[in-house]
PDB file of N, CA and C in Angstrom:
ATOM      1  N   MET A   1       0.855  -1.184   0.000  1.00  0.00           N
ATOM      2  CA  MET A   1       0.000   0.000   0.000  1.00  0.00           C
ATOM      3  C   MET A   1       0.893   1.236   0.000  1.00  0.00           C
ATOM      4  N   SER A   2       0.566   2.193  -0.873  1.00  0.00           N
ATOM      5  CA  SER A   2       1.373   3.412  -0.962  1.00  0.00           C
ATOM      6  C   SER A   2       1.151   4.303   0.255  1.00  0.00           C
ATOM      7  N   GLY A   3       2.028   5.297   0.403  1.00  0.00           N
ATOM      8  CA  GLY A   3       1.915   6.230   1.522  1.00  0.00           C
ATOM      9  C   GLY A   3       0.588   6.961   1.535  1.00  0.00           C
ATOM     10  N   ILE A   4       0.143   7.415   0.364  1.00  0.00           N
ATOM     11  CA  ILE A   4      -1.131   8.138   0.280  1.00  0.00           C
ATOM     12  C   ILE A   4      -2.292   7.198   0.586  1.00  0.00           C
ATOM     13  N   GLU A   5      -2.245   5.984   0.077  1.00  0.00           N
ATOM     14  CA  GLU A   5      -3.321   5.029   0.363  1.00  0.00           C
ATOM     15  C   GLU A   5      -3.391   4.741   1.862  1.00  0.00           C
ATOM     16  N   SER A   6      -2.253   4.642   2.505  1.00  0.00           N
ATOM     17  CA  SER A   6      -2.208   4.425   3.953  1.00  0.00           C
ATOM     18  C   SER A   6      -2.810   5.624   4.685  1.00  0.00           C
ATOM     19  N   LYS A   7      -2.478   6.838   4.222  1.00  0.00           N
ATOM     20  CA  LYS A   7      -3.033   8.055   4.840  1.00  0.00           C
ATOM     21  C   LYS A   7      -4.544   8.117   4.656  1.00  0.00           C
ATOM     22  N   LYS A   8      -5.033   7.711   3.482  1.00  0.00           N
ATOM     23  CA  LYS A   8      -6.480   7.686   3.240  1.00  0.00           C
ATOM     24  C   LYS A   8      -7.166   6.750   4.242  1.00  0.00           C
ATOM     25  N   ASN A   9      -6.589   5.579   4.421  1.00  0.00           N
ATOM     26  CA  ASN A   9      -7.163   4.625   5.381  1.00  0.00           C
ATOM     27  C   ASN A   9      -7.154   5.193   6.798  1.00  0.00           C
ATOM     28  N   GLU A  10      -6.061   5.847   7.178  1.00  0.00           N
ATOM     29  CA  GLU A  10      -5.989   6.454   8.509  1.00  0.00           C
ATOM     30  C   GLU A  10      -7.054   7.534   8.676  1.00  0.00           C
ATOM     31  N   LEU A  11      -7.262   8.341   7.633  1.00  0.00           N
ATOM     32  CA  LEU A  11      -8.281   9.388   7.685  1.00  0.00           C
ATOM     33  C   LEU A  11      -9.665   8.767   7.824  1.00  0.00           C
ATOM     34  N   GLU A  12      -9.945   7.754   7.037  1.00  0.00           N
ATOM     35  CA  GLU A  12     -11.247   7.088   7.118  1.00  0.00           C
ATOM     36  C   GLU A  12     -11.493   6.537   8.524  1.00  0.00           C
ATOM     37  N   GLN A  13     -10.483   5.910   9.102  1.00  0.00           N
ATOM     38  CA  GLN A  13     -10.615   5.358  10.457  1.00  0.00           C
ATOM     39  C   GLN A  13     -10.816   6.468  11.492  1.00  0.00           C
ATOM     40  N   ALA A  14     -10.048   7.544  11.363  1.00  0.00           N
ATOM     41  CA  ALA A  14     -10.180   8.665  12.308  1.00  0.00           C
ATOM     42  C   ALA A  14     -11.569   9.280  12.227  1.00  0.00           C
ATOM     43  N   MET A  15     -12.077   9.465  11.028  1.00  0.00           N
ATOM     44  CA  MET A  15     -13.397  10.071  10.876  1.00  0.00           C
ATOM     45  C   MET A  15     -14.490   9.147  11.405  1.00  0.00           C
ATOM     46  N   MET A  16     -14.375   7.845  11.166  1.00  0.00           N
ATOM     47  CA  MET A  16     -15.389   6.916  11.674  1.00  0.00           C
ATOM     48  C   MET A  16     -15.381   6.878  13.194  1.00  0.00           C
ATOM     49  N   LYS A  17     -14.182   6.871  13.795  1.00  0.00           N
ATOM     50  CA  LYS A  17     -14.075   6.742  15.252  1.00  0.00           C
ATOM     51  C   LYS A  17     -14.330   8.059  15.983  1.00  0.00           C
ATOM     52  N   LYS A  18     -13.901   9.175  15.410  1.00  0.00           N
ATOM     53  CA  LYS A  18     -13.941  10.462  16.118  1.00  0.00           C
ATOM     54  C   LYS A  18     -15.045  11.409  15.654  1.00  0.00           C
ATOM     55  N   ALA A  19     -15.513  11.261  14.404  1.00  0.00           N
ATOM     56  CA  ALA A  19     -16.498  12.204  13.866  1.00  0.00           C
ATOM     57  C   ALA A  19     -17.629  11.470  13.157  1.00  0.00           C
ATOM     58  N   GLY A  20     -17.864  10.231  13.541  1.00  0.00           N
ATOM     59  CA  GLY A  20     -18.899   9.431  12.906  1.00  0.00           C
ATOM     60  C   GLY A  20     -20.282   9.780  13.434  1.00  0.00           C
ATOM     61  N   ILE A  21     -21.163   8.836  13.352  1.00  0.00           N
ATOM     62  CA  ILE A  21     -22.548   9.068  13.759  1.00  0.00           C
ATOM     63  C   ILE A  21     -22.642   9.442  15.232  1.00  0.00           C
ATOM     64  N   VAL A  22     -21.865   8.781  16.090  1.00  0.00           N
ATOM     65  CA  VAL A  22     -21.808   9.124  17.509  1.00  0.00           C
ATOM     66  C   VAL A  22     -20.498   9.862  17.741  1.00  0.00           C
ATOM     67  N   ARG A  23     -20.602  11.083  18.235  1.00  0.00           N
ATOM     68  CA  ARG A  23     -19.419  11.942  18.378  1.00  0.00           C
ATOM     69  C   ARG A  23     -19.517  12.771  19.636  1.00  0.00           C
ATOM     70  N   ASP A  24     -18.387  13.388  20.003  1.00  0.00           N
ATOM     71  CA  ASP A  24     -18.368  14.326  21.126  1.00  0.00           C
ATOM     72  C   ASP A  24     -17.229  15.316  20.897  1.00  0.00           C
ATOM     73  N   CYS A  25     -17.174  16.314  21.751  1.00  0.00           N
ATOM     74  CA  CYS A  25     -16.198  17.392  21.608  1.00  0.00           C
ATOM     75  C   CYS A  25     -14.771  16.860  21.560  1.00  0.00           C
ATOM     76  N   GLU A  26     -14.433  15.970  22.476  1.00  0.00           N
ATOM     77  CA  GLU A  26     -13.063  15.454  22.544  1.00  0.00           C
ATOM     78  C   GLU A  26     -12.673  14.731  21.251  1.00  0.00           C
ATOM     79  N   GLY A  27     -13.543  13.873  20.760  1.00  0.00           N
ATOM     80  CA  GLY A  27     -13.261  13.147  19.533  1.00  0.00           C
ATOM     81  C   GLY A  27     -13.151  14.067  18.335  1.00  0.00           C
ATOM     82  N   LEU A  28     -14.022  15.076  18.273  1.00  0.00           N
ATOM     83  CA  LEU A  28     -13.975  16.031  17.166  1.00  0.00           C
ATOM     84  C   LEU A  28     -12.673  16.829  17.192  1.00  0.00           C
ATOM     85  N   GLU A  29     -12.218  17.190  18.383  1.00  0.00           N
ATOM     86  CA  GLU A  29     -10.930  17.895  18.493  1.00  0.00           C
ATOM     87  C   GLU A  29      -9.779  16.995  18.033  1.00  0.00           C
ATOM     88  N   GLU A  30      -9.839  15.718  18.385  1.00  0.00           N
ATOM     89  CA  GLU A  30      -8.805  14.777  17.949  1.00  0.00           C
ATOM     90  C   GLU A  30      -8.828  14.608  16.433  1.00  0.00           C
ATOM     91  N   ALA A  31     -10.025  14.539  15.862  1.00  0.00           N
ATOM     92  CA  ALA A  31     -10.142  14.437  14.405  1.00  0.00           C
ATOM     93  C   ALA A  31      -9.578  15.687  13.730  1.00  0.00           C
ATOM     94  N   GLU A  32      -9.888  16.854  14.293  1.00  0.00           N
ATOM     95  CA  GLU A  32      -9.377  18.104  13.724  1.00  0.00           C
ATOM     96  C   GLU A  32      -7.848  18.135  13.770  1.00  0.00           C
ATOM     97  N   THR A  33      -7.273  17.723  14.874  1.00  0.00           N
ATOM     98  CA  THR A  33      -5.809  17.674  14.988  1.00  0.00           C
ATOM     99  C   THR A  33      -5.220  16.715  13.966  1.00  0.00           C
ATOM    100  N   PHE A  34      -5.826  15.553  13.807  1.00  0.00           N
ATOM    101  CA  PHE A  34      -5.353  14.583  12.825  1.00  0.00           C
ATOM    102  C   PHE A  34      -5.381  15.186  11.423  1.00  0.00           C
ATOM    103  N   ILE A  35      -6.470  15.865  11.089  1.00  0.00           N
ATOM    104  CA  ILE A  35      -6.604  16.482   9.767  1.00  0.00           C
ATOM    105  C   ILE A  35      -5.533  17.545   9.563  1.00  0.00           C
ATOM    106  N   GLN A  36      -5.347  18.418  10.547  1.00  0.00           N
ATOM    107  CA  GLN A  36      -4.341  19.478  10.432  1.00  0.00           C
ATOM    108  C   GLN A  36      -2.940  18.897  10.250  1.00  0.00           C
ATOM    109  N   GLU A  37      -2.615  17.858  11.009  1.00  0.00           N
ATOM    110  CA  GLU A  37      -1.298  17.226  10.886  1.00  0.00           C
ATOM    111  C   GLU A  37      -1.139  16.560   9.523  1.00  0.00           C
ATOM    112  N   SER A  38      -2.213  15.973   9.018  1.00  0.00           N
ATOM    113  CA  SER A  38      -2.170  15.331   7.704  1.00  0.00           C
ATOM    114  C   SER A  38      -1.955  16.353   6.595  1.00  0.00           C
ATOM    115  N   VAL A  39      -2.603  17.510   6.728  1.00  0.00           N
ATOM    116  CA  VAL A  39      -2.417  18.566   5.728  1.00  0.00           C
ATOM    117  C   VAL A  39      -0.952  19.007   5.709  1.00  0.00           C
ATOM    118  N   LYS A  40      -0.388  19.223   6.888  1.00  0.00           N
ATOM    119  CA  LYS A  40       1.007  19.673   6.984  1.00  0.00           C
ATOM    120  C   LYS A  40       1.989  18.642   6.438  1.00  0.00           C
ATOM    121  N   SER A  41       1.690  17.363   6.607  1.00  0.00           N
ATOM    122  CA  SER A  41       2.644  16.321   6.227  1.00  0.00           C
ATOM    123  C   SER A  41       2.443  15.790   4.803  1.00  0.00           C
ATOM    124  N   THR A  42       1.434  16.280   4.111  1.00  0.00           N
ATOM    125  CA  THR A  42       1.181  15.803   2.749  1.00  0.00           C
ATOM    126  C   THR A  42       1.859  16.726   1.749  1.00  0.00           C
ATOM    127  N   PRO A  43       2.779  16.179   0.958  1.00  0.00           N
ATOM    128  CA  PRO A  43       3.484  17.016  -0.012  1.00  0.00           C
ATOM    129  C   PRO A  43       2.535  17.503  -1.111  1.00  0.00           C
ATOM    130  N   CYS A  44       2.791  18.678  -1.601  1.00  0.00           N
ATOM    131  CA  CYS A  44       2.007  19.234  -2.696  1.00  0.00           C
ATOM    132  C   CYS A  44       2.348  18.460  -3.968  1.00  0.00           C
ATOM    133  N   SER A  45       1.350  17.942  -4.623  1.00  0.00           N
ATOM    134  CA  SER A  45       1.572  17.133  -5.822  1.00  0.00           C
ATOM    135  C   SER A  45       0.324  17.165  -6.686  1.00  0.00           C
ATOM    136  N   LYS A  46       0.522  17.019  -7.989  1.00  0.00           N
ATOM    137  CA  LYS A  46      -0.613  16.937  -8.914  1.00  0.00           C
ATOM    138  C   LYS A  46      -1.018  15.494  -9.178  1.00  0.00           C
ATOM    139  N   ASP A  47      -0.355  14.559  -8.509  1.00  0.00           N
ATOM    140  CA  ASP A  47      -0.711  13.156  -8.626  1.00  0.00           C
ATOM    141  C   ASP A  47      -2.174  12.989  -8.208  1.00  0.00           C
ATOM    142  N   HIS A  48      -2.953  12.261  -8.997  1.00  0.00           N
ATOM    143  CA  HIS A  48      -4.393  12.180  -8.724  1.00  0.00           C
ATOM    144  C   HIS A  48      -4.699  11.577  -7.355  1.00  0.00           C
ATOM    145  N   ARG A  49      -3.887  10.680  -6.855  1.00  0.00           N
ATOM    146  CA  ARG A  49      -4.121  10.103  -5.523  1.00  0.00           C
ATOM    147  C   ARG A  49      -3.933  11.158  -4.432  1.00  0.00           C
ATOM    148  N   THR A  50      -2.915  11.991  -4.610  1.00  0.00           N
ATOM    149  CA  THR A  50      -2.664  13.049  -3.629  1.00  0.00           C
ATOM    150  C   THR A  50      -3.769  14.097  -3.685  1.00  0.00           C
ATOM    151  N   VAL A  51      -4.183  14.477  -4.885  1.00  0.00           N
ATOM    152  CA  VAL A  51      -5.268  15.463  -5.028  1.00  0.00           C
ATOM    153  C   VAL A  51      -6.551  14.913  -4.403  1.00  0.00           C
ATOM    154  N   GLU A  52      -6.825  13.641  -4.641  1.00  0.00           N
ATOM    155  CA  GLU A  52      -8.001  13.015  -4.047  1.00  0.00           C
ATOM    156  C   GLU A  52      -7.912  13.048  -2.514  1.00  0.00           C
ATOM    157  N   PHE A  53      -6.736  12.769  -1.971  1.00  0.00           N
ATOM    158  CA  PHE A  53      -6.552  12.788  -0.520  1.00  0.00           C
ATOM    159  C   PHE A  53      -6.751  14.198   0.037  1.00  0.00           C
ATOM    160  N   ILE A  54      -6.233  15.196  -0.643  1.00  0.00           N
ATOM    161  CA  ILE A  54      -6.437  16.588  -0.204  1.00  0.00           C
ATOM    162  C   ILE A  54      -7.929  16.929  -0.211  1.00  0.00           C
ATOM    163  N   ASN A  55      -8.651  16.466  -1.221  1.00  0.00           N
ATOM    164  CA  ASN A  55     -10.099  16.689  -1.262  1.00  0.00           C
ATOM    165  C   ASN A  55     -10.790  15.984  -0.095  1.00  0.00           C
ATOM    166  N   MET A  56     -10.325  14.785   0.231  1.00  0.00           N
ATOM    167  CA  MET A  56     -10.885  14.063   1.381  1.00  0.00           C
ATOM    168  C   MET A  56     -10.617  14.826   2.672  1.00  0.00           C
ATOM    169  N   LEU A  57      -9.421  15.367   2.816  1.00  0.00           N
ATOM    170  CA  LEU A  57      -9.089  16.155   4.011  1.00  0.00           C
ATOM    171  C   LEU A  57      -9.966  17.396   4.105  1.00  0.00           C
ATOM    172  N   THR A  58     -10.211  18.034   2.971  1.00  0.00           N
ATOM    173  CA  THR A  58     -11.069  19.232   2.950  1.00  0.00           C
ATOM    174  C   THR A  58     -12.482  18.886   3.394  1.00  0.00           C
ATOM    175  N   SER A  59     -13.029  17.816   2.850  1.00  0.00           N
ATOM    176  CA  SER A  59     -14.377  17.384   3.241  1.00  0.00           C
ATOM    177  C   SER A  59     -14.433  17.005   4.713  1.00  0.00           C
ATOM    178  N   ALA A  60     -13.411  16.314   5.170  1.00  0.00           N
ATOM    179  CA  ALA A  60     -13.357  15.912   6.578  1.00  0.00           C
ATOM    180  C   ALA A  60     -13.292  17.135   7.476  1.00  0.00           C
ATOM    181  N   TRP A  61     -12.473  18.108   7.097  1.00  0.00           N
ATOM    182  CA  TRP A  61     -12.334  19.326   7.909  1.00  0.00           C
ATOM    183  C   TRP A  61     -13.666  20.058   7.997  1.00  0.00           C
ATOM    184  N   LEU A  62     -14.372  20.193   6.867  1.00  0.00           N
ATOM    185  CA  LEU A  62     -15.670  20.871   6.875  1.00  0.00           C
ATOM    186  C   LEU A  62     -16.672  20.119   7.752  1.00  0.00           C
ATOM    187  N   THR A  63     -16.666  18.807   7.672  1.00  0.00           N
ATOM    188  CA  THR A  63     -17.561  17.991   8.494  1.00  0.00           C
ATOM    189  C   THR A  63     -17.279  18.201   9.977  1.00  0.00           C
ATOM    190  N   VAL A  64     -16.009  18.169  10.348  1.00  0.00           N
ATOM    191  CA  VAL A  64     -15.627  18.340  11.752  1.00  0.00           C
ATOM    192  C   VAL A  64     -15.971  19.747  12.237  1.00  0.00           C
ATOM    193  N   GLN A  65     -15.695  20.760  11.421  1.00  0.00           N
ATOM    194  CA  GLN A  65     -16.009  22.134  11.818  1.00  0.00           C
ATOM    195  C   GLN A  65     -17.504  22.307  12.065  1.00  0.00           C
ATOM    196  N   ALA A  66     -18.325  21.805  11.147  1.00  0.00           N
ATOM    197  CA  ALA A  66     -19.776  21.932  11.309  1.00  0.00           C
ATOM    198  C   ALA A  66     -20.254  21.156  12.535  1.00  0.00           C
ATOM    199  N   ALA A  67     -19.703  19.971  12.753  1.00  0.00           N
ATOM    200  CA  ALA A  67     -20.100  19.166  13.914  1.00  0.00           C
ATOM    201  C   ALA A  67     -19.704  19.845  15.223  1.00  0.00           C
ATOM    202  N   GLN A  68     -18.564  20.539  15.232  1.00  0.00           N
ATOM    203  CA  GLN A  68     -18.147  21.255  16.443  1.00  0.00           C
ATOM    204  C   GLN A  68     -19.071  22.443  16.722  1.00  0.00           C
ATOM    205  N   LEU A  69     -19.547  23.085  15.679  1.00  0.00           N
ATOM    206  CA  LEU A  69     -20.448  24.226  15.857  1.00  0.00           C
ATOM    207  C   LEU A  69     -21.824  23.798  16.365  1.00  0.00           C
ATOM    208  N   ARG A  70     -22.314  22.680  15.870  1.00  0.00           N
ATOM    209  CA  ARG A  70     -23.674  22.243  16.165  1.00  0.00           C
ATOM    210  C   ARG A  70     -23.719  21.525  17.512  1.00  0.00           C
ATOM    211  N   CYS A  71     -24.126  22.254  18.526  1.00  0.00           N
ATOM    212  CA  CYS A  71     -24.156  21.731  19.898  1.00  0.00           C
ATOM    213  C   CYS A  71     -25.513  21.102  20.174  1.00  0.00           C
ATOM    214  N   GLU A  72     -25.796  20.020  19.466  1.00  0.00           N
ATOM    215  CA  GLU A  72     -27.052  19.293  19.603  1.00  0.00           C
ATOM    216  C   GLU A  72     -26.911  17.959  18.883  1.00  0.00           C
ATOM    217  N   SER A  73     -27.886  17.106  19.056  1.00  0.00           N
ATOM    218  CA  SER A  73     -28.014  15.894  18.264  1.00  0.00           C
ATOM    219  C   SER A  73     -29.128  16.135  17.264  1.00  0.00           C
ATOM    220  N   ARG A  74     -28.917  15.721  16.018  1.00  0.00           N
ATOM    221  CA  ARG A  74     -29.928  15.927  14.976  1.00  0.00           C
ATOM    222  C   ARG A  74     -29.887  14.764  14.013  1.00  0.00           C
ATOM    223  N   GLY A  75     -31.069  14.265  13.684  1.00  0.00           N
ATOM    224  CA  GLY A  75     -31.143  13.139  12.757  1.00  0.00           C
ATOM    225  C   GLY A  75     -30.408  11.942  13.340  1.00  0.00           C
ATOM    226  N   VAL A  76     -29.541  11.341  12.526  1.00  0.00           N
ATOM    227  CA  VAL A  76     -28.787  10.184  13.005  1.00  0.00           C
ATOM    228  C   VAL A  76     -27.459  10.579  13.622  1.00  0.00           C
ATOM    229  N   HIS A  77     -27.166  11.852  13.699  1.00  0.00           N
ATOM    230  CA  HIS A  77     -25.903  12.309  14.279  1.00  0.00           C
ATOM    231  C   HIS A  77     -26.113  12.630  15.754  1.00  0.00           C
ATOM    232  N   LEU A  78     -25.465  11.847  16.596  1.00  0.00           N
ATOM    233  CA  LEU A  78     -25.638  11.958  18.041  1.00  0.00           C
ATOM    234  C   LEU A  78     -24.382  12.539  18.674  1.00  0.00           C
ATOM    235  N   ARG A  79     -24.546  13.635  19.381  1.00  0.00           N
ATOM    236  CA  ARG A  79     -23.457  14.191  20.190  1.00  0.00           C
ATOM    237  C   ARG A  79     -23.635  13.659  21.604  1.00  0.00           C
ATOM    238  N   ARG A  80     -22.652  12.896  22.088  1.00  0.00           N
ATOM    239  CA  ARG A  80     -22.724  12.380  23.461  1.00  0.00           C
ATOM    240  C   ARG A  80     -22.835  13.519  24.467  1.00  0.00           C
ATOM    241  N   ASP A  81     -22.153  14.633  24.160  1.00  0.00           N
ATOM    242  CA  ASP A  81     -22.135  15.767  25.078  1.00  0.00           C
ATOM    243  C   ASP A  81     -23.345  16.693  24.901  1.00  0.00           C
ATOM    244  N   TYR A  82     -24.101  16.532  23.840  1.00  0.00           N
ATOM    245  CA  TYR A  82     -25.347  17.285  23.604  1.00  0.00           C
ATOM    246  C   TYR A  82     -26.376  16.294  23.062  1.00  0.00           C
ATOM    247  N   PRO A  83     -26.984  15.476  23.924  1.00  0.00           N
ATOM    248  CA  PRO A  83     -27.815  14.375  23.439  1.00  0.00           C
ATOM    249  C   PRO A  83     -29.191  14.767  22.902  1.00  0.00           C
ATOM    250  N   TYR A  84     -29.599  16.024  23.043  1.00  0.00           N
ATOM    251  CA  TYR A  84     -30.943  16.398  22.634  1.00  0.00           C
ATOM    252  C   TYR A  84     -30.931  17.332  21.430  1.00  0.00           C
ATOM    253  N   ARG A  85     -31.993  17.264  20.676  1.00  0.00           N
ATOM    254  CA  ARG A  85     -32.205  18.153  19.545  1.00  0.00           C
ATOM    255  C   ARG A  85     -32.584  19.532  20.079  1.00  0.00           C
ATOM    256  N   ASP A  86     -32.135  20.591  19.401  1.00  0.00           N
ATOM    257  CA  ASP A  86     -32.388  21.968  19.844  1.00  0.00           C
ATOM    258  C   ASP A  86     -32.888  22.781  18.653  1.00  0.00           C
ATOM    259  N   ASP A  87     -34.207  22.707  18.388  1.00  0.00           N
ATOM    260  CA  ASP A  87     -34.774  23.429  17.247  1.00  0.00           C
ATOM    261  C   ASP A  87     -34.727  24.942  17.427  1.00  0.00           C
ATOM    262  N   ILE A  88     -34.754  25.413  18.653  1.00  0.00           N
ATOM    263  CA  ILE A  88     -34.744  26.862  18.885  1.00  0.00           C
ATOM    264  C   ILE A  88     -33.458  27.483  18.369  1.00  0.00           C
ATOM    265  N   ASN A  89     -32.319  26.876  18.664  1.00  0.00           N
ATOM    266  CA  ASN A  89     -31.031  27.437  18.263  1.00  0.00           C
ATOM    267  C   ASN A  89     -30.450  26.822  17.000  1.00  0.00           C
ATOM    268  N   TRP A  90     -30.863  25.612  16.632  1.00  0.00           N
ATOM    269  CA  TRP A  90     -30.147  24.902  15.573  1.00  0.00           C
ATOM    270  C   TRP A  90     -30.997  24.393  14.425  1.00  0.00           C
ATOM    271  N   LYS A  91     -32.226  24.851  14.270  1.00  0.00           N
ATOM    272  CA  LYS A  91     -33.005  24.426  13.105  1.00  0.00           C
ATOM    273  C   LYS A  91     -32.609  25.331  11.944  1.00  0.00           C
ATOM    274  N   LYS A  92     -31.370  25.122  11.489  1.00  0.00           N
ATOM    275  CA  LYS A  92     -30.797  25.944  10.422  1.00  0.00           C
ATOM    276  C   LYS A  92     -29.659  25.196   9.756  1.00  0.00           C
ATOM    277  N   HIS A  93     -29.313  25.648   8.577  1.00  0.00           N
ATOM    278  CA  HIS A  93     -28.171  25.099   7.848  1.00  0.00           C
ATOM    279  C   HIS A  93     -26.927  25.888   8.233  1.00  0.00           C
ATOM    280  N   ILE A  94     -25.792  25.218   8.287  1.00  0.00           N
ATOM    281  CA  ILE A  94     -24.510  25.886   8.504  1.00  0.00           C
ATOM    282  C   ILE A  94     -23.881  26.097   7.132  1.00  0.00           C
ATOM    283  N   LEU A  95     -23.517  27.317   6.822  1.00  0.00           N
ATOM    284  CA  LEU A  95     -22.890  27.652   5.543  1.00  0.00           C
ATOM    285  C   LEU A  95     -21.446  28.054   5.797  1.00  0.00           C
ATOM    286  N   MET A  96     -20.516  27.419   5.088  1.00  0.00           N
ATOM    287  CA  MET A  96     -19.098  27.731   5.260  1.00  0.00           C
ATOM    288  C   MET A  96     -18.540  28.131   3.907  1.00  0.00           C
ATOM    289  N   ASP A  97     -17.885  29.296   3.887  1.00  0.00           N
ATOM    290  CA  ASP A  97     -17.317  29.789   2.637  1.00  0.00           C
ATOM    291  C   ASP A  97     -16.028  30.535   2.945  1.00  0.00           C
ATOM    292  N   ASN A  98     -14.904  29.962   2.534  1.00  0.00           N
ATOM    293  CA  ASN A  98     -13.616  30.637   2.664  1.00  0.00           C
ATOM    294  C   ASN A  98     -13.364  31.139   4.086  1.00  0.00           C
ATOM    295  N   GLN A  99     -13.497  30.240   5.052  1.00  0.00           N
ATOM    296  CA  GLN A  99     -13.268  30.520   6.471  1.00  0.00           C
ATOM    297  C   GLN A  99     -14.369  31.368   7.110  1.00  0.00           C
ATOM    298  N   LYS A 100     -15.399  31.739   6.372  1.00  0.00           N
ATOM    299  CA  LYS A 100     -16.528  32.466   6.937  1.00  0.00           C
ATOM    300  C   LYS A 100     -17.651  31.472   7.231  1.00  0.00           C
ATOM    301  N   ILE A 101     -18.318  31.681   8.336  1.00  0.00           N
ATOM    302  CA  ILE A 101     -19.404  30.790   8.727  1.00  0.00           C
ATOM    303  C   ILE A 101     -20.680  31.599   8.803  1.00  0.00           C
ATOM    304  N   GLY A 102     -21.730  31.064   8.193  1.00  0.00           N
ATOM    305  CA  GLY A 102     -23.041  31.699   8.229  1.00  0.00           C
ATOM    306  C   GLY A 102     -24.094  30.658   8.511  1.00  0.00           C
ATOM    307  N   TYR A 103     -25.304  31.130   8.692  1.00  0.00           N
ATOM    308  CA  TYR A 103     -26.406  30.232   9.003  1.00  0.00           C
ATOM    309  C   TYR A 103     -27.606  30.632   8.166  1.00  0.00           C
ATOM    310  N   GLU A 104     -28.419  29.639   7.809  1.00  0.00           N
ATOM    311  CA  GLU A 104     -29.626  29.873   7.021  1.00  0.00           C
ATOM    312  C   GLU A 104     -30.735  29.056   7.645  1.00  0.00           C
ATOM    313  N   ASP A 105     -31.863  29.713   7.950  1.00  0.00           N
ATOM    314  CA  ASP A 105     -32.989  29.000   8.543  1.00  0.00           C
ATOM    315  C   ASP A 105     -33.501  27.936   7.588  1.00  0.00           C
ATOM    316  N   VAL A 106     -33.990  26.851   8.147  1.00  0.00           N
ATOM    317  CA  VAL A 106     -34.579  25.779   7.358  1.00  0.00           C
ATOM    318  C   VAL A 106     -36.004  26.191   7.014  1.00  0.00           C
ATOM    319  N   ALA A 107     -36.369  26.093   5.738  1.00  0.00           N
ATOM    320  CA  ALA A 107     -37.729  26.439   5.321  1.00  0.00           C
ATOM    321  C   ALA A 107     -38.697  25.403   5.844  1.00  0.00           C
ATOM    322  N   GLU A 108     -39.814  25.842   6.332  1.00  0.00           N
ATOM    323  CA  GLU A 108     -40.845  24.914   6.864  1.00  0.00           C
ATOM    324  C   GLU A 108     -41.641  24.347   5.740  1.00  0.00           C
TER     325      GLU A 108
END
Protein backbone atom coordinates (compact mmCIF):
# COMPACT_ATOMS: atom_id res chain seq x y z
CA MET A 1 0.00 0.00 0.00
CA SER A 2 1.37 3.41 -0.96
CA GLY A 3 1.92 6.23 1.52
CA ILE A 4 -1.13 8.14 0.28
CA GLU A 5 -3.32 5.03 0.36
CA SER A 6 -2.21 4.42 3.95
CA LYS A 7 -3.03 8.06 4.84
CA LYS A 8 -6.48 7.69 3.24
CA ASN A 9 -7.16 4.62 5.38
CA GLU A 10 -5.99 6.45 8.51
CA LEU A 11 -8.28 9.39 7.69
CA GLU A 12 -11.25 7.09 7.12
CA GLN A 13 -10.61 5.36 10.46
CA ALA A 14 -10.18 8.67 12.31
CA MET A 15 -13.40 10.07 10.88
CA MET A 16 -15.39 6.92 11.67
CA LYS A 17 -14.07 6.74 15.25
CA LYS A 18 -13.94 10.46 16.12
CA ALA A 19 -16.50 12.20 13.87
CA GLY A 20 -18.90 9.43 12.91
CA ILE A 21 -22.55 9.07 13.76
CA VAL A 22 -21.81 9.12 17.51
CA ARG A 23 -19.42 11.94 18.38
CA ASP A 24 -18.37 14.33 21.13
CA CYS A 25 -16.20 17.39 21.61
CA GLU A 26 -13.06 15.45 22.54
CA GLY A 27 -13.26 13.15 19.53
CA LEU A 28 -13.97 16.03 17.17
CA GLU A 29 -10.93 17.89 18.49
CA GLU A 30 -8.80 14.78 17.95
CA ALA A 31 -10.14 14.44 14.40
CA GLU A 32 -9.38 18.10 13.72
CA THR A 33 -5.81 17.67 14.99
CA PHE A 34 -5.35 14.58 12.82
CA ILE A 35 -6.60 16.48 9.77
CA GLN A 36 -4.34 19.48 10.43
CA GLU A 37 -1.30 17.23 10.89
CA SER A 38 -2.17 15.33 7.70
CA VAL A 39 -2.42 18.57 5.73
CA LYS A 40 1.01 19.67 6.98
CA SER A 41 2.64 16.32 6.23
CA THR A 42 1.18 15.80 2.75
CA PRO A 43 3.48 17.02 -0.01
CA CYS A 44 2.01 19.23 -2.70
CA SER A 45 1.57 17.13 -5.82
CA LYS A 46 -0.61 16.94 -8.91
CA ASP A 47 -0.71 13.16 -8.63
CA HIS A 48 -4.39 12.18 -8.72
CA ARG A 49 -4.12 10.10 -5.52
CA THR A 50 -2.66 13.05 -3.63
CA VAL A 51 -5.27 15.46 -5.03
CA GLU A 52 -8.00 13.02 -4.05
CA PHE A 53 -6.55 12.79 -0.52
CA ILE A 54 -6.44 16.59 -0.20
CA ASN A 55 -10.10 16.69 -1.26
CA MET A 56 -10.89 14.06 1.38
CA LEU A 57 -9.09 16.16 4.01
CA THR A 58 -11.07 19.23 2.95
CA SER A 59 -14.38 17.38 3.24
CA ALA A 60 -13.36 15.91 6.58
CA TRP A 61 -12.33 19.33 7.91
CA LEU A 62 -15.67 20.87 6.87
CA THR A 63 -17.56 17.99 8.49
CA VAL A 64 -15.63 18.34 11.75
CA GLN A 65 -16.01 22.13 11.82
CA ALA A 66 -19.78 21.93 11.31
CA ALA A 67 -20.10 19.17 13.91
CA GLN A 68 -18.15 21.25 16.44
CA LEU A 69 -20.45 24.23 15.86
CA ARG A 70 -23.67 22.24 16.16
CA CYS A 71 -24.16 21.73 19.90
CA GLU A 72 -27.05 19.29 19.60
CA SER A 73 -28.01 15.89 18.26
CA ARG A 74 -29.93 15.93 14.98
CA GLY A 75 -31.14 13.14 12.76
CA VAL A 76 -28.79 10.18 13.00
CA HIS A 77 -25.90 12.31 14.28
CA LEU A 78 -25.64 11.96 18.04
CA ARG A 79 -23.46 14.19 20.19
CA ARG A 80 -22.72 12.38 23.46
CA ASP A 81 -22.13 15.77 25.08
CA TYR A 82 -25.35 17.28 23.60
CA PRO A 83 -27.82 14.37 23.44
CA TYR A 84 -30.94 16.40 22.63
CA ARG A 85 -32.20 18.15 19.55
CA ASP A 86 -32.39 21.97 19.84
CA ASP A 87 -34.77 23.43 17.25
CA ILE A 88 -34.74 26.86 18.89
CA ASN A 89 -31.03 27.44 18.26
CA TRP A 90 -30.15 24.90 15.57
CA LYS A 91 -33.01 24.43 13.10
CA LYS A 92 -30.80 25.94 10.42
CA HIS A 93 -28.17 25.10 7.85
CA ILE A 94 -24.51 25.89 8.50
CA LEU A 95 -22.89 27.65 5.54
CA MET A 96 -19.10 27.73 5.26
CA ASP A 97 -17.32 29.79 2.64
CA ASN A 98 -13.62 30.64 2.66
CA GLN A 99 -13.27 30.52 6.47
CA LYS A 100 -16.53 32.47 6.94
CA ILE A 101 -19.40 30.79 8.73
CA GLY A 102 -23.04 31.70 8.23
CA TYR A 103 -26.41 30.23 9.00
CA GLU A 104 -29.63 29.87 7.02
CA ASP A 105 -32.99 29.00 8.54
CA VAL A 106 -34.58 25.78 7.36
CA ALA A 107 -37.73 26.44 5.32
CA GLU A 108 -40.85 24.91 6.86
